[in-house]
């Protein structure tokens, strides 16, 4: 099971539930940036299902012939601004990301959340000035390979702020991070597609997993991790 890093907690829960429902079923996950997973698939890595954090990576996987063309959206997500609990940069909103001396961490542009983050900054430029995105990116101190690395940098206090998914506000981070909502006018609704890998040797199990995440029970599990169900 190849899945975007942001799906780590909910998919782990889904896997445990399916193993309870189907005795003998064993699900193994490979969580990483969607672009990393796609590259691994194209290089021949064995997998049965690919769940991406955006459609462009899934589209590239289709073009290279590693997944089936049917890749429905099964869940959605939103972005949030994250700061360390002590908030040393005194960040209260997007506008503060352009302040001199702020240490910002984002995912790289090749990562879905990195691309979404820059779209947020571009949209916010309408209010904060044409050069807002440029000024913010001048404060960029690190670009990460996936969203979990962004969260970790903030959790460890190695950055003053970062942009991640709302779903990353998991109990595991405890009180180490504060979330600052991004206004709807600038936010992005990230759509997650899922597809069966063409060379799967576990066709029935792959179908069971894909069907489950689309079911009411599967969607309820995803919602409990702050994702947005597509059934609503």
C-alpha atoms as a PDB file:
ATOM      1  CA  UNK A   1       0.000   0.000   0.000  1.00  0.00           C
ATOM      2  CA  UNK A   2       1.724   3.187  -1.234  1.00  0.00           C
ATOM      3  CA  UNK A   3       0.158   6.261   0.370  1.00  0.00           C
ATOM      4  CA  UNK A   4       0.944   9.955   0.796  1.00  0.00           C
ATOM      5  CA  UNK A   5       2.652  10.783   4.096  1.00  0.00           C
ATOM      6  CA  UNK A   6      -0.348  12.814   5.253  1.00  0.00           C
ATOM      7  CA  UNK A   7      -2.409   9.598   5.244  1.00  0.00           C
ATOM      8  CA  UNK A   8      -0.188   7.859   7.805  1.00  0.00           C
ATOM      9  CA  UNK A   9      -2.499   7.975  10.824  1.00  0.00           C
ATOM     10  CA  UNK A  10      -5.900   7.383   9.161  1.00  0.00           C
ATOM     11  CA  UNK A  11      -4.664   4.655   6.821  1.00  0.00           C
ATOM     12  CA  UNK A  12      -2.954   2.887   9.714  1.00  0.00           C
ATOM     13  CA  UNK A  13      -6.321   2.913  11.495  1.00  0.00           C
ATOM     14  CA  UNK A  14      -8.080   1.711   8.342  1.00  0.00           C
ATOM     15  CA  UNK A  15      -5.576  -1.110   7.973  1.00  0.00           C
ATOM     16  CA  UNK A  16      -6.111  -2.270  11.556  1.00  0.00           C
ATOM     17  CA  UNK A  17      -9.883  -2.209  11.090  1.00  0.00           C
ATOM     18  CA  UNK A  18      -9.721  -4.243   7.891  1.00  0.00           C
ATOM     19  CA  UNK A  19      -7.448  -6.799   9.522  1.00  0.00           C
ATOM     20  CA  UNK A  20     -10.091  -7.169  12.239  1.00  0.00           C
ATOM     21  CA  UNK A  21     -12.855  -7.614   9.681  1.00  0.00           C
ATOM     22  CA  UNK A  22     -10.892 -10.020   7.482  1.00  0.00           C
ATOM     23  CA  UNK A  23      -8.831 -12.462   9.582  1.00  0.00           C
ATOM     24  CA  UNK A  24      -5.694 -13.429   7.712  1.00  0.00           C
ATOM     25  CA  UNK A  25      -5.486 -10.148   5.803  1.00  0.00           C
ATOM     26  CA  UNK A  26      -2.211  -8.307   6.363  1.00  0.00           C
ATOM     27  CA  UNK A  27      -1.722  -4.774   5.085  1.00  0.00           C
ATOM     28  CA  UNK A  28       1.717  -3.192   4.810  1.00  0.00           C
ATOM     29  CA  UNK A  29       2.172   0.512   4.128  1.00  0.00           C
ATOM     30  CA  UNK A  30       4.816   2.648   2.500  1.00  0.00           C
ATOM     31  CA  UNK A  31       4.191   6.283   3.467  1.00  0.00           C
ATOM     32  CA  UNK A  32       6.160   9.029   1.715  1.00  0.00           C
ATOM     33  CA  UNK A  33       5.727  12.086  -0.480  1.00  0.00           C
ATOM     34  CA  UNK A  34       3.387  11.354  -3.392  1.00  0.00           C
ATOM     35  CA  UNK A  35       6.087  12.195  -5.922  1.00  0.00           C
ATOM     36  CA  UNK A  36       8.528   9.800  -4.225  1.00  0.00           C
ATOM     37  CA  UNK A  37       5.984   6.991  -4.287  1.00  0.00           C
ATOM     38  CA  UNK A  38       5.166   7.573  -7.947  1.00  0.00           C
ATOM     39  CA  UNK A  39       8.858   7.441  -8.824  1.00  0.00           C
ATOM     40  CA  UNK A  40       9.264   4.208  -6.878  1.00  0.00           C
ATOM     41  CA  UNK A  41       6.331   2.672  -8.753  1.00  0.00           C
ATOM     42  CA  UNK A  42       7.781   3.745 -12.085  1.00  0.00           C
ATOM     43  CA  UNK A  43      11.067   2.113 -11.100  1.00  0.00           C
ATOM     44  CA  UNK A  44       9.306  -1.187 -10.480  1.00  0.00           C
ATOM     45  CA  UNK A  45       8.658  -1.173  -6.742  1.00  0.00           C
ATOM     46  CA  UNK A  46       5.938  -3.732  -5.899  1.00  0.00           C
ATOM     47  CA  UNK A  47       2.650  -2.308  -4.629  1.00  0.00           C
ATOM     48  CA  UNK A  48      -1.073  -2.938  -4.876  1.00  0.00           C
ATOM     49  CA  UNK A  49      -2.654   0.488  -4.275  1.00  0.00           C
ATOM     50  CA  UNK A  50      -1.445   4.067  -4.747  1.00  0.00           C
ATOM     51  CA  UNK A  51      -3.095   6.929  -2.834  1.00  0.00           C
ATOM     52  CA  UNK A  52      -1.819  10.387  -3.765  1.00  0.00           C
ATOM     53  CA  UNK A  53      -2.252  13.766  -2.068  1.00  0.00           C
ATOM     54  CA  UNK A  54      -3.036  15.412  -5.397  1.00  0.00           C
ATOM     55  CA  UNK A  55      -4.241  14.615  -8.889  1.00  0.00           C
ATOM     56  CA  UNK A  56      -1.111  15.725 -10.829  1.00  0.00           C
ATOM     57  CA  UNK A  57       0.993  12.922  -9.301  1.00  0.00           C
ATOM     58  CA  UNK A  58      -1.754  10.400 -10.036  1.00  0.00           C
ATOM     59  CA  UNK A  59      -2.033  11.727 -13.575  1.00  0.00           C
ATOM     60  CA  UNK A  60       1.691  11.182 -14.094  1.00  0.00           C
ATOM     61  CA  UNK A  61       1.347   7.659 -12.701  1.00  0.00           C
ATOM     62  CA  UNK A  62      -1.424   6.989 -15.215  1.00  0.00           C
ATOM     63  CA  UNK A  63       0.660   8.361 -18.060  1.00  0.00           C
ATOM     64  CA  UNK A  64       3.546   6.061 -17.174  1.00  0.00           C
ATOM     65  CA  UNK A  65       1.179   3.105 -17.053  1.00  0.00           C
ATOM     66  CA  UNK A  66       1.789   2.000 -13.462  1.00  0.00           C
ATOM     67  CA  UNK A  67      -1.803   2.449 -12.223  1.00  0.00           C
ATOM     68  CA  UNK A  68      -5.267   1.848 -13.627  1.00  0.00           C
ATOM     69  CA  UNK A  69      -7.012   4.852 -15.155  1.00  0.00           C
ATOM     70  CA  UNK A  70      -9.867   4.724 -12.678  1.00  0.00           C
ATOM     71  CA  UNK A  71      -8.636   6.881  -9.781  1.00  0.00           C
ATOM     72  CA  UNK A  72     -11.572   8.412  -7.889  1.00  0.00           C
ATOM     73  CA  UNK A  73     -11.232  11.110  -5.243  1.00  0.00           C
ATOM     74  CA  UNK A  74     -11.853   9.437  -1.875  1.00  0.00           C
ATOM     75  CA  UNK A  75     -11.100  12.219   0.638  1.00  0.00           C
ATOM     76  CA  UNK A  76     -10.231  15.921   0.878  1.00  0.00           C
ATOM     77  CA  UNK A  77      -8.065  18.067   3.133  1.00  0.00           C
ATOM     78  CA  UNK A  78      -7.313  21.702   3.988  1.00  0.00           C
ATOM     79  CA  UNK A  79      -4.180  23.597   4.957  1.00  0.00           C
ATOM     80  CA  UNK A  80      -3.300  25.296   8.223  1.00  0.00           C
ATOM     81  CA  UNK A  81      -0.477  27.476   9.505  1.00  0.00           C
ATOM     82  CA  UNK A  82       1.550  25.820  12.257  1.00  0.00           C
ATOM     83  CA  UNK A  83       3.889  27.401  14.814  1.00  0.00           C
ATOM     84  CA  UNK A  84       5.776  26.032  17.849  1.00  0.00           C
ATOM     85  CA  UNK A  85       3.748  26.243  21.049  1.00  0.00           C
ATOM     86  CA  UNK A  86       5.955  29.049  22.424  1.00  0.00           C
ATOM     87  CA  UNK A  87       5.539  30.922  19.119  1.00  0.00           C
ATOM     88  CA  UNK A  88       8.968  32.634  19.215  1.00  0.00           C
ATOM     89  CA  UNK A  89       8.286  34.387  15.916  1.00  0.00           C
ATOM     90  CA  UNK A  90       5.030  35.871  17.268  1.00  0.00           C
ATOM     91  CA  UNK A  91       3.197  34.678  14.172  1.00  0.00           C
ATOM     92  CA  UNK A  92      -0.540  35.380  14.265  1.00  0.00           C
ATOM     93  CA  UNK A  93      -1.430  34.905  10.610  1.00  0.00           C
ATOM     94  CA  UNK A  94      -0.165  34.585   7.060  1.00  0.00           C
ATOM     95  CA  UNK A  95       0.819  38.252   6.946  1.00  0.00           C
ATOM     96  CA  UNK A  96       3.508  37.658   9.592  1.00  0.00           C
ATOM     97  CA  UNK A  97       5.334  35.128   7.414  1.00  0.00           C
ATOM     98  CA  UNK A  98       6.857  38.060   5.525  1.00  0.00           C
ATOM     99  CA  UNK A  99       8.310  39.669   8.657  1.00  0.00           C
ATOM    100  CA  UNK A 100      12.120  39.944   8.633  1.00  0.00           C
ATOM    101  CA  UNK A 101      13.835  37.187  10.569  1.00  0.00           C
ATOM    102  CA  UNK A 102      10.991  34.670  10.477  1.00  0.00           C
ATOM    103  CA  UNK A 103      12.259  31.131   9.886  1.00  0.00           C
ATOM    104  CA  UNK A 104       9.807  29.391   7.574  1.00  0.00           C
ATOM    105  CA  UNK A 105       9.711  25.723   6.606  1.00  0.00           C
ATOM    106  CA  UNK A 106       7.649  24.372   3.704  1.00  0.00           C
ATOM    107  CA  UNK A 107       7.516  21.183   1.708  1.00  0.00           C
ATOM    108  CA  UNK A 108       9.327  21.368  -1.628  1.00  0.00           C
ATOM    109  CA  UNK A 109       7.484  22.523  -4.729  1.00  0.00           C
ATOM    110  CA  UNK A 110       7.501  18.957  -6.099  1.00  0.00           C
ATOM    111  CA  UNK A 111       5.459  17.767  -3.104  1.00  0.00           C
ATOM    112  CA  UNK A 112       1.660  18.275  -3.219  1.00  0.00           C
ATOM    113  CA  UNK A 113       1.518  20.175   0.093  1.00  0.00           C
ATOM    114  CA  UNK A 114       4.454  22.317  -1.034  1.00  0.00           C
ATOM    115  CA  UNK A 115       2.621  23.207  -4.204  1.00  0.00           C
ATOM    116  CA  UNK A 116      -0.568  23.934  -2.260  1.00  0.00           C
ATOM    117  CA  UNK A 117       1.360  26.104   0.219  1.00  0.00           C
ATOM    118  CA  UNK A 118       2.683  28.315  -2.544  1.00  0.00           C
ATOM    119  CA  UNK A 119      -0.809  28.620  -4.012  1.00  0.00           C
ATOM    120  CA  UNK A 120      -1.983  29.903  -0.627  1.00  0.00           C
ATOM    121  CA  UNK A 121       0.790  32.515  -0.592  1.00  0.00           C
ATOM    122  CA  UNK A 122      -0.058  33.543  -4.145  1.00  0.00           C
ATOM    123  CA  UNK A 123      -3.725  33.998  -3.266  1.00  0.00           C
ATOM    124  CA  UNK A 124      -2.838  36.001  -0.152  1.00  0.00           C
ATOM    125  CA  UNK A 125      -0.801  38.403  -2.295  1.00  0.00           C
ATOM    126  CA  UNK A 126      -4.081  39.977  -3.371  1.00  0.00           C
ATOM    127  CA  UNK A 127      -4.410  41.392   0.159  1.00  0.00           C
ATOM    128  CA  UNK A 128      -0.822  41.693   1.352  1.00  0.00           C
ATOM    129  CA  UNK A 129       0.814  43.048  -1.794  1.00  0.00           C
ATOM    130  CA  UNK A 130       2.124  41.748  -5.105  1.00  0.00           C
ATOM    131  CA  UNK A 131       5.528  41.019  -3.569  1.00  0.00           C
ATOM    132  CA  UNK A 132       4.080  39.163  -0.562  1.00  0.00           C
ATOM    133  CA  UNK A 133       4.932  35.674  -1.815  1.00  0.00           C
ATOM    134  CA  UNK A 134       8.459  36.790  -2.716  1.00  0.00           C
ATOM    135  CA  UNK A 135       9.012  38.324   0.731  1.00  0.00           C
ATOM    136  CA  UNK A 136       7.691  35.212   2.460  1.00  0.00           C
ATOM    137  CA  UNK A 137       9.876  32.851   0.440  1.00  0.00           C
ATOM    138  CA  UNK A 138      12.919  34.939   1.351  1.00  0.00           C
ATOM    139  CA  UNK A 139      12.347  33.636   4.891  1.00  0.00           C
ATOM    140  CA  UNK A 140      12.351  30.006   3.748  1.00  0.00           C
ATOM    141  CA  UNK A 141      15.072  28.133   5.650  1.00  0.00           C
ATOM    142  CA  UNK A 142      14.206  24.574   4.679  1.00  0.00           C
ATOM    143  CA  UNK A 143      12.254  22.635   2.043  1.00  0.00           C
ATOM    144  CA  UNK A 144      11.140  19.159   3.066  1.00  0.00           C
ATOM    145  CA  UNK A 145      10.368  15.961   1.148  1.00  0.00           C
ATOM    146  CA  UNK A 146       6.967  15.440   2.775  1.00  0.00           C
ATOM    147  CA  UNK A 147       4.525  17.098   5.140  1.00  0.00           C
ATOM    148  CA  UNK A 148       5.538  15.018   8.162  1.00  0.00           C
ATOM    149  CA  UNK A 149       9.041  16.479   7.947  1.00  0.00           C
ATOM    150  CA  UNK A 150       7.555  19.990   7.956  1.00  0.00           C
ATOM    151  CA  UNK A 151       5.583  19.197  11.115  1.00  0.00           C
ATOM    152  CA  UNK A 152       8.641  17.664  12.783  1.00  0.00           C
ATOM    153  CA  UNK A 153      10.757  20.776  12.130  1.00  0.00           C
ATOM    154  CA  UNK A 154       8.101  22.941  13.782  1.00  0.00           C
ATOM    155  CA  UNK A 155       7.611  20.500  16.641  1.00  0.00           C
ATOM    156  CA  UNK A 156      11.349  20.579  17.372  1.00  0.00           C
ATOM    157  CA  UNK A 157      11.436  24.379  17.250  1.00  0.00           C
ATOM    158  CA  UNK A 158      13.739  24.459  14.224  1.00  0.00           C
ATOM    159  CA  UNK A 159      11.402  26.886  12.451  1.00  0.00           C
ATOM    160  CA  UNK A 160       9.060  29.689  13.498  1.00  0.00           C
ATOM    161  CA  UNK A 161       6.253  28.627  11.182  1.00  0.00           C
ATOM    162  CA  UNK A 162       5.227  26.217   8.469  1.00  0.00           C
ATOM    163  CA  UNK A 163       2.227  25.197   6.406  1.00  0.00           C
ATOM    164  CA  UNK A 164       0.800  21.691   6.716  1.00  0.00           C
ATOM    165  CA  UNK A 165      -2.529  19.909   6.478  1.00  0.00           C
ATOM    166  CA  UNK A 166      -5.274  20.268   9.072  1.00  0.00           C
ATOM    167  CA  UNK A 167      -5.151  16.474   9.334  1.00  0.00           C
ATOM    168  CA  UNK A 168      -1.594  16.728  10.681  1.00  0.00           C
ATOM    169  CA  UNK A 169      -2.982  18.076  13.963  1.00  0.00           C
ATOM    170  CA  UNK A 170      -2.767  14.625  15.487  1.00  0.00           C
ATOM    171  CA  UNK A 171      -2.659  13.706  19.200  1.00  0.00           C
ATOM    172  CA  UNK A 172       0.946  12.616  18.692  1.00  0.00           C
ATOM    173  CA  UNK A 173       2.153  16.214  18.463  1.00  0.00           C
ATOM    174  CA  UNK A 174       0.516  17.006  21.798  1.00  0.00           C
ATOM    175  CA  UNK A 175       0.919  20.617  22.886  1.00  0.00           C
ATOM    176  CA  UNK A 176       4.119  21.168  20.924  1.00  0.00           C
ATOM    177  CA  UNK A 177       2.384  22.948  18.048  1.00  0.00           C
ATOM    178  CA  UNK A 178      -0.240  25.645  17.681  1.00  0.00           C
ATOM    179  CA  UNK A 179      -2.503  25.799  14.649  1.00  0.00           C
ATOM    180  CA  UNK A 180      -3.465  29.131  13.109  1.00  0.00           C
ATOM    181  CA  UNK A 181      -6.351  28.827  10.625  1.00  0.00           C
ATOM    182  CA  UNK A 182      -5.832  30.001   7.052  1.00  0.00           C
ATOM    183  CA  UNK A 183      -8.788  32.078   5.788  1.00  0.00           C
ATOM    184  CA  UNK A 184     -11.049  30.283   3.314  1.00  0.00           C
ATOM    185  CA  UNK A 185     -10.343  32.956   0.708  1.00  0.00           C
ATOM    186  CA  UNK A 186      -6.724  31.782   0.496  1.00  0.00           C
ATOM    187  CA  UNK A 187      -7.004  28.151   1.537  1.00  0.00           C
ATOM    188  CA  UNK A 188      -6.819  25.124  -0.736  1.00  0.00           C
ATOM    189  CA  UNK A 189      -9.050  22.076  -0.764  1.00  0.00           C
ATOM    190  CA  UNK A 190      -6.687  19.206  -1.486  1.00  0.00           C
ATOM    191  CA  UNK A 191      -8.301  16.246  -3.264  1.00  0.00           C
ATOM    192  CA  UNK A 192      -6.842  12.754  -2.774  1.00  0.00           C
ATOM    193  CA  UNK A 193      -7.231  10.152  -5.556  1.00  0.00           C
ATOM    194  CA  UNK A 194      -6.676   6.418  -5.090  1.00  0.00           C
ATOM    195  CA  UNK A 195      -5.979   3.779  -7.730  1.00  0.00           C
ATOM    196  CA  UNK A 196      -5.064   0.144  -8.097  1.00  0.00           C
ATOM    197  CA  UNK A 197      -1.537  -0.575  -9.292  1.00  0.00           C
ATOM    198  CA  UNK A 198      -1.595  -2.413 -12.628  1.00  0.00           C
ATOM    199  CA  UNK A 199       0.884  -5.092 -11.570  1.00  0.00           C
ATOM    200  CA  UNK A 200      -0.876  -5.908  -8.304  1.00  0.00           C
ATOM    201  CA  UNK A 201      -0.739  -9.534  -7.223  1.00  0.00           C
ATOM    202  CA  UNK A 202      -3.391  -8.926  -4.576  1.00  0.00           C
ATOM    203  CA  UNK A 203      -6.358  -7.862  -6.685  1.00  0.00           C
ATOM    204  CA  UNK A 204      -9.062  -8.867  -4.210  1.00  0.00           C
ATOM    205  CA  UNK A 205      -7.316  -7.261  -1.229  1.00  0.00           C
ATOM    206  CA  UNK A 206      -6.679  -4.066  -3.197  1.00  0.00           C
ATOM    207  CA  UNK A 207     -10.353  -3.866  -4.133  1.00  0.00           C
ATOM    208  CA  UNK A 208     -11.361  -4.422  -0.504  1.00  0.00           C
ATOM    209  CA  UNK A 209      -9.155  -1.548   0.660  1.00  0.00           C
ATOM    210  CA  UNK A 210     -10.316   0.895  -2.026  1.00  0.00           C
ATOM    211  CA  UNK A 211     -13.976   0.021  -1.452  1.00  0.00           C
ATOM    212  CA  UNK A 212     -13.577   0.426   2.310  1.00  0.00           C
ATOM    213  CA  UNK A 213     -12.107   3.934   2.203  1.00  0.00           C
ATOM    214  CA  UNK A 214     -15.103   4.952   0.074  1.00  0.00           C
ATOM    215  CA  UNK A 215     -17.585   3.357   2.494  1.00  0.00           C
ATOM    216  CA  UNK A 216     -19.379   5.164   5.315  1.00  0.00           C
ATOM    217  CA  UNK A 217     -17.224   3.384   7.886  1.00  0.00           C
ATOM    218  CA  UNK A 218     -14.012   4.232   6.055  1.00  0.00           C
ATOM    219  CA  UNK A 219     -15.042   7.849   5.571  1.00  0.00           C
ATOM    220  CA  UNK A 220     -15.887   8.100   9.277  1.00  0.00           C
ATOM    221  CA  UNK A 221     -12.381   6.938  10.175  1.00  0.00           C
ATOM    222  CA  UNK A 222     -10.866   9.514   7.812  1.00  0.00           C
ATOM    223  CA  UNK A 223     -13.088  12.253   9.271  1.00  0.00           C
ATOM    224  CA  UNK A 224     -11.910  11.403  12.788  1.00  0.00           C
ATOM    225  CA  UNK A 225      -8.430  12.452  11.619  1.00  0.00           C
ATOM    226  CA  UNK A 226      -9.711  15.854  10.394  1.00  0.00           C
ATOM    227  CA  UNK A 227     -10.079  14.906   6.725  1.00  0.00           C
ATOM    228  CA  UNK A 228     -13.127  16.033   4.751  1.00  0.00           C
ATOM    229  CA  UNK A 229     -15.326  13.104   3.630  1.00  0.00           C
ATOM    230  CA  UNK A 230     -16.468  13.050   0.015  1.00  0.00           C
ATOM    231  CA  UNK A 231     -19.762  11.423   0.997  1.00  0.00           C
ATOM    232  CA  UNK A 232     -20.975  14.588   2.757  1.00  0.00           C
END
